[in-house]
Amino acid sequence: MKFAVGEVVQFKKEHPCGSDQWEILRTGMDFRVKCLKCGRVIMLPRPKFEKSVKKIVDS
């Protein structure tokens, strides 16, 4: 899958706040994503990010 900054992706598991949708803020070896419900920003290594993504919701 190809990912771009600004896309919204749905993860397989929910964040503790109850949302499963995240906006991509940075791509590369690590991904920085922001939760669309609570605004939490996390960084994930590429393999973990790609494994967590269920689908691309909006681009």
PDB file of N, CA and C in Angstrom:
ATOM      1  N   MET A   1       0.829  -1.191   0.000  1.00  0.00           N
ATOM      2  CA  MET A   1       0.000   0.000   0.000  1.00  0.00           C
ATOM      3  C   MET A   1       0.873   1.255   0.000  1.00  0.00           C
ATOM      4  N   LYS A   2       0.399   2.275  -0.671  1.00  0.00           N
ATOM      5  CA  LYS A   2       1.071   3.568  -0.676  1.00  0.00           C
ATOM      6  C   LYS A   2       0.323   4.500   0.266  1.00  0.00           C
ATOM      7  N   PHE A   3       1.075   5.224   1.069  1.00  0.00           N
ATOM      8  CA  PHE A   3       0.480   6.160   2.023  1.00  0.00           C
ATOM      9  C   PHE A   3       1.031   7.550   1.765  1.00  0.00           C
ATOM     10  N   ALA A   4       0.210   8.566   2.000  1.00  0.00           N
ATOM     11  CA  ALA A   4       0.628   9.949   1.808  1.00  0.00           C
ATOM     12  C   ALA A   4       0.195  10.791   3.001  1.00  0.00           C
ATOM     13  N   VAL A   5       0.924  11.864   3.232  1.00  0.00           N
ATOM     14  CA  VAL A   5       0.591  12.786   4.313  1.00  0.00           C
ATOM     15  C   VAL A   5      -0.795  13.372   4.045  1.00  0.00           C
ATOM     16  N   GLY A   6      -1.617  13.442   5.081  1.00  0.00           N
ATOM     17  CA  GLY A   6      -2.960  14.000   4.958  1.00  0.00           C
ATOM     18  C   GLY A   6      -4.049  12.957   4.798  1.00  0.00           C
ATOM     19  N   GLU A   7      -3.678  11.716   4.488  1.00  0.00           N
ATOM     20  CA  GLU A   7      -4.679  10.663   4.347  1.00  0.00           C
ATOM     21  C   GLU A   7      -5.198  10.239   5.719  1.00  0.00           C
ATOM     22  N   VAL A   8      -6.440   9.778   5.743  1.00  0.00           N
ATOM     23  CA  VAL A   8      -7.045   9.247   6.961  1.00  0.00           C
ATOM     24  C   VAL A   8      -7.139   7.740   6.798  1.00  0.00           C
ATOM     25  N   VAL A   9      -6.610   7.003   7.773  1.00  0.00           N
ATOM     26  CA  VAL A   9      -6.633   5.543   7.723  1.00  0.00           C
ATOM     27  C   VAL A   9      -7.407   4.996   8.913  1.00  0.00           C
ATOM     28  N   GLN A  10      -7.951   3.801   8.721  1.00  0.00           N
ATOM     29  CA  GLN A  10      -8.665   3.113   9.800  1.00  0.00           C
ATOM     30  C   GLN A  10      -7.772   1.979  10.290  1.00  0.00           C
ATOM     31  N   PHE A  11      -7.542   1.919  11.603  1.00  0.00           N
ATOM     32  CA  PHE A  11      -6.740   0.859  12.195  1.00  0.00           C
ATOM     33  C   PHE A  11      -7.631  -0.324  12.548  1.00  0.00           C
ATOM     34  N   LYS A  12      -7.016  -1.494  12.704  1.00  0.00           N
ATOM     35  CA  LYS A  12      -7.757  -2.697  13.073  1.00  0.00           C
ATOM     36  C   LYS A  12      -8.266  -2.611  14.515  1.00  0.00           C
ATOM     37  N   LYS A  13      -7.444  -2.030  15.405  1.00  0.00           N
ATOM     38  CA  LYS A  13      -7.828  -1.905  16.805  1.00  0.00           C
ATOM     39  C   LYS A  13      -8.182  -0.455  17.123  1.00  0.00           C
ATOM     40  N   GLU A  14      -9.083  -0.277  18.072  1.00  0.00           N
ATOM     41  CA  GLU A  14      -9.483   1.067  18.494  1.00  0.00           C
ATOM     42  C   GLU A  14      -8.465   1.652  19.471  1.00  0.00           C
ATOM     43  N   HIS A  15      -8.354   2.972  19.438  1.00  0.00           N
ATOM     44  CA  HIS A  15      -7.592   3.716  20.430  1.00  0.00           C
ATOM     45  C   HIS A  15      -8.415   3.684  21.728  1.00  0.00           C
ATOM     46  N   PRO A  16      -7.806   3.808  22.896  1.00  0.00           N
ATOM     47  CA  PRO A  16      -8.577   3.806  24.139  1.00  0.00           C
ATOM     48  C   PRO A  16      -9.702   4.858  24.190  1.00  0.00           C
ATOM     49  N   CYS A  17      -9.591   5.938  23.410  1.00  0.00           N
ATOM     50  CA  CYS A  17     -10.638   6.963  23.402  1.00  0.00           C
ATOM     51  C   CYS A  17     -11.866   6.499  22.612  1.00  0.00           C
ATOM     52  N   GLY A  18     -11.740   5.408  21.851  1.00  0.00           N
ATOM     53  CA  GLY A  18     -12.878   4.855  21.128  1.00  0.00           C
ATOM     54  C   GLY A  18     -12.829   5.057  19.622  1.00  0.00           C
ATOM     55  N   SER A  19     -11.861   5.805  19.126  1.00  0.00           N
ATOM     56  CA  SER A  19     -11.762   6.062  17.691  1.00  0.00           C
ATOM     57  C   SER A  19     -10.788   5.076  17.048  1.00  0.00           C
ATOM     58  N   ASP A  20     -11.033   4.760  15.772  1.00  0.00           N
ATOM     59  CA  ASP A  20     -10.093   3.915  15.038  1.00  0.00           C
ATOM     60  C   ASP A  20      -9.597   4.616  13.772  1.00  0.00           C
ATOM     61  N   GLN A  21      -9.832   5.930  13.675  1.00  0.00           N
ATOM     62  CA  GLN A  21      -9.417   6.690  12.503  1.00  0.00           C
ATOM     63  C   GLN A  21      -8.282   7.641  12.864  1.00  0.00           C
ATOM     64  N   TRP A  22      -7.239   7.631  12.024  1.00  0.00           N
ATOM     65  CA  TRP A  22      -6.021   8.395  12.264  1.00  0.00           C
ATOM     66  C   TRP A  22      -5.621   9.139  11.005  1.00  0.00           C
ATOM     67  N   GLU A  23      -5.096  10.347  11.182  1.00  0.00           N
ATOM     68  CA  GLU A  23      -4.578  11.144  10.064  1.00  0.00           C
ATOM     69  C   GLU A  23      -3.064  10.989  10.025  1.00  0.00           C
ATOM     70  N   ILE A  24      -2.510  10.745   8.832  1.00  0.00           N
ATOM     71  CA  ILE A  24      -1.071  10.589   8.668  1.00  0.00           C
ATOM     72  C   ILE A  24      -0.427  11.975   8.625  1.00  0.00           C
ATOM     73  N   LEU A  25       0.539  12.210   9.522  1.00  0.00           N
ATOM     74  CA  LEU A  25       1.244  13.484   9.590  1.00  0.00           C
ATOM     75  C   LEU A  25       2.635  13.397   8.985  1.00  0.00           C
ATOM     76  N   ARG A  26       3.235  12.192   8.979  1.00  0.00           N
ATOM     77  CA  ARG A  26       4.598  12.030   8.468  1.00  0.00           C
ATOM     78  C   ARG A  26       4.767  10.599   7.983  1.00  0.00           C
ATOM     79  N   THR A  27       5.481  10.436   6.869  1.00  0.00           N
ATOM     80  CA  THR A  27       5.770   9.102   6.354  1.00  0.00           C
ATOM     81  C   THR A  27       7.275   8.916   6.246  1.00  0.00           C
ATOM     82  N   GLY A  28       7.706   7.692   6.056  1.00  0.00           N
ATOM     83  CA  GLY A  28       9.120   7.368   5.939  1.00  0.00           C
ATOM     84  C   GLY A  28       9.374   6.059   6.652  1.00  0.00           C
ATOM     85  N   MET A  29      10.515   5.945   7.299  1.00  0.00           N
ATOM     86  CA  MET A  29      10.799   4.741   8.088  1.00  0.00           C
ATOM     87  C   MET A  29       9.864   4.656   9.285  1.00  0.00           C
ATOM     88  N   ASP A  30       9.484   5.813   9.819  1.00  0.00           N
ATOM     89  CA  ASP A  30       8.505   5.898  10.902  1.00  0.00           C
ATOM     90  C   ASP A  30       7.313   6.696  10.419  1.00  0.00           C
ATOM     91  N   PHE A  31       6.153   6.385  10.950  1.00  0.00           N
ATOM     92  CA  PHE A  31       4.942   7.130  10.631  1.00  0.00           C
ATOM     93  C   PHE A  31       4.498   7.894  11.868  1.00  0.00           C
ATOM     94  N   ARG A  32       4.133   9.165  11.692  1.00  0.00           N
ATOM     95  CA  ARG A  32       3.533   9.939  12.767  1.00  0.00           C
ATOM     96  C   ARG A  32       2.063  10.085  12.401  1.00  0.00           C
ATOM     97  N   VAL A  33       1.174   9.670  13.317  1.00  0.00           N
ATOM     98  CA  VAL A  33      -0.257   9.729  13.067  1.00  0.00           C
ATOM     99  C   VAL A  33      -0.964  10.416  14.226  1.00  0.00           C
ATOM    100  N   LYS A  34      -2.109  11.040  13.924  1.00  0.00           N
ATOM    101  CA  LYS A  34      -2.881  11.770  14.929  1.00  0.00           C
ATOM    102  C   LYS A  34      -4.280  11.183  15.004  1.00  0.00           C
ATOM    103  N   CYS A  35      -4.733  10.885  16.205  1.00  0.00           N
ATOM    104  CA  CYS A  35      -6.084  10.386  16.426  1.00  0.00           C
ATOM    105  C   CYS A  35      -7.075  11.496  16.114  1.00  0.00           C
ATOM    106  N   LEU A  36      -8.111  11.176  15.336  1.00  0.00           N
ATOM    107  CA  LEU A  36      -9.068  12.206  14.937  1.00  0.00           C
ATOM    108  C   LEU A  36     -10.087  12.530  16.028  1.00  0.00           C
ATOM    109  N   LYS A  37     -10.182  11.712  17.068  1.00  0.00           N
ATOM    110  CA  LYS A  37     -11.140  11.990  18.141  1.00  0.00           C
ATOM    111  C   LYS A  37     -10.507  12.794  19.279  1.00  0.00           C
ATOM    112  N   CYS A  38      -9.355  12.321  19.787  1.00  0.00           N
ATOM    113  CA  CYS A  38      -8.765  12.983  20.961  1.00  0.00           C
ATOM    114  C   CYS A  38      -7.544  13.837  20.623  1.00  0.00           C
ATOM    115  N   GLY A  39      -6.984  13.695  19.414  1.00  0.00           N
ATOM    116  CA  GLY A  39      -5.853  14.519  19.013  1.00  0.00           C
ATOM    117  C   GLY A  39      -4.495  13.986  19.426  1.00  0.00           C
ATOM    118  N   ARG A  40      -4.445  12.800  20.009  1.00  0.00           N
ATOM    119  CA  ARG A  40      -3.179  12.194  20.436  1.00  0.00           C
ATOM    120  C   ARG A  40      -2.299  11.917  19.221  1.00  0.00           C
ATOM    121  N   VAL A  41      -1.010  12.245  19.318  1.00  0.00           N
ATOM    122  CA  VAL A  41      -0.066  12.008  18.230  1.00  0.00           C
ATOM    123  C   VAL A  41       0.906  10.914  18.661  1.00  0.00           C
ATOM    124  N   ILE A  42       1.060   9.886  17.810  1.00  0.00           N
ATOM    125  CA  ILE A  42       1.989   8.803  18.113  1.00  0.00           C
ATOM    126  C   ILE A  42       2.882   8.552  16.906  1.00  0.00           C
ATOM    127  N   MET A  43       4.022   7.929  17.156  1.00  0.00           N
ATOM    128  CA  MET A  43       4.914   7.517  16.072  1.00  0.00           C
ATOM    129  C   MET A  43       5.010   5.999  16.089  1.00  0.00           C
ATOM    130  N   LEU A  44       4.922   5.409  14.896  1.00  0.00           N
ATOM    131  CA  LEU A  44       5.007   3.958  14.756  1.00  0.00           C
ATOM    132  C   LEU A  44       6.047   3.619  13.700  1.00  0.00           C
ATOM    133  N   PRO A  45       6.825   2.554  13.906  1.00  0.00           N
ATOM    134  CA  PRO A  45       7.717   2.104  12.843  1.00  0.00           C
ATOM    135  C   PRO A  45       6.894   1.586  11.656  1.00  0.00           C
ATOM    136  N   ARG A  46       7.423   1.704  10.457  1.00  0.00           N
ATOM    137  CA  ARG A  46       6.685   1.343   9.241  1.00  0.00           C
ATOM    138  C   ARG A  46       6.062  -0.061   9.295  1.00  0.00           C
ATOM    139  N   PRO A  47       6.806  -1.118   9.695  1.00  0.00           N
ATOM    140  CA  PRO A  47       6.182  -2.455   9.688  1.00  0.00           C
ATOM    141  C   PRO A  47       4.954  -2.545  10.607  1.00  0.00           C
ATOM    142  N   LYS A  48       5.029  -1.928  11.779  1.00  0.00           N
ATOM    143  CA  LYS A  48       3.899  -1.972  12.714  1.00  0.00           C
ATOM    144  C   LYS A  48       2.727  -1.167  12.167  1.00  0.00           C
ATOM    145  N   PHE A  49       3.008  -0.013  11.558  1.00  0.00           N
ATOM    146  CA  PHE A  49       1.952   0.812  10.979  1.00  0.00           C
ATOM    147  C   PHE A  49       1.224   0.054   9.869  1.00  0.00           C
ATOM    148  N   GLU A  50       1.982  -0.536   8.940  1.00  0.00           N
ATOM    149  CA  GLU A  50       1.374  -1.247   7.813  1.00  0.00           C
ATOM    150  C   GLU A  50       0.550  -2.437   8.283  1.00  0.00           C
ATOM    151  N   LYS A  51       0.986  -3.090   9.352  1.00  0.00           N
ATOM    152  CA  LYS A  51       0.247  -4.230   9.908  1.00  0.00           C
ATOM    153  C   LYS A  51      -1.045  -3.770  10.592  1.00  0.00           C
ATOM    154  N   SER A  52      -1.041  -2.555  11.154  1.00  0.00           N
ATOM    155  CA  SER A  52      -2.190  -2.039  11.900  1.00  0.00           C
ATOM    156  C   SER A  52      -3.296  -1.481  11.021  1.00  0.00           C
ATOM    157  N   VAL A  53      -2.960  -1.069   9.797  1.00  0.00           N
ATOM    158  CA  VAL A  53      -3.939  -0.394   8.938  1.00  0.00           C
ATOM    159  C   VAL A  53      -4.935  -1.400   8.365  1.00  0.00           C
ATOM    160  N   LYS A  54      -6.219  -1.073   8.505  1.00  0.00           N
ATOM    161  CA  LYS A  54      -7.284  -1.890   7.929  1.00  0.00           C
ATOM    162  C   LYS A  54      -7.626  -1.400   6.522  1.00  0.00           C
ATOM    163  N   LYS A  55      -7.802  -0.053   6.387  1.00  0.00           N
ATOM    164  CA  LYS A  55      -8.091   0.516   5.073  1.00  0.00           C
ATOM    165  C   LYS A  55      -7.845   2.016   5.103  1.00  0.00           C
ATOM    166  N   ILE A  56      -7.745   2.603   3.897  1.00  0.00           N
ATOM    167  CA  ILE A  56      -7.634   4.051   3.757  1.00  0.00           C
ATOM    168  C   ILE A  56      -9.055   4.603   3.651  1.00  0.00           C
ATOM    169  N   VAL A  57      -9.424   5.508   4.566  1.00  0.00           N
ATOM    170  CA  VAL A  57     -10.778   6.040   4.608  1.00  0.00           C
ATOM    171  C   VAL A  57     -10.924   7.222   3.679  1.00  0.00           C
ATOM    172  N   ASP A  58      -9.983   8.179   3.753  1.00  0.00           N
ATOM    173  CA  ASP A  58     -10.084   9.417   2.988  1.00  0.00           C
ATOM    174  C   ASP A  58      -8.674   9.867   2.615  1.00  0.00           C
ATOM    175  N   SER A  59      -8.551  10.456   1.421  1.00  0.00           N
ATOM    176  CA  SER A  59      -7.223  10.929   1.019  1.00  0.00           C
ATOM    177  C   SER A  59      -7.206  12.397   0.707  1.00  0.00           C
TER     178      SER A  59
END
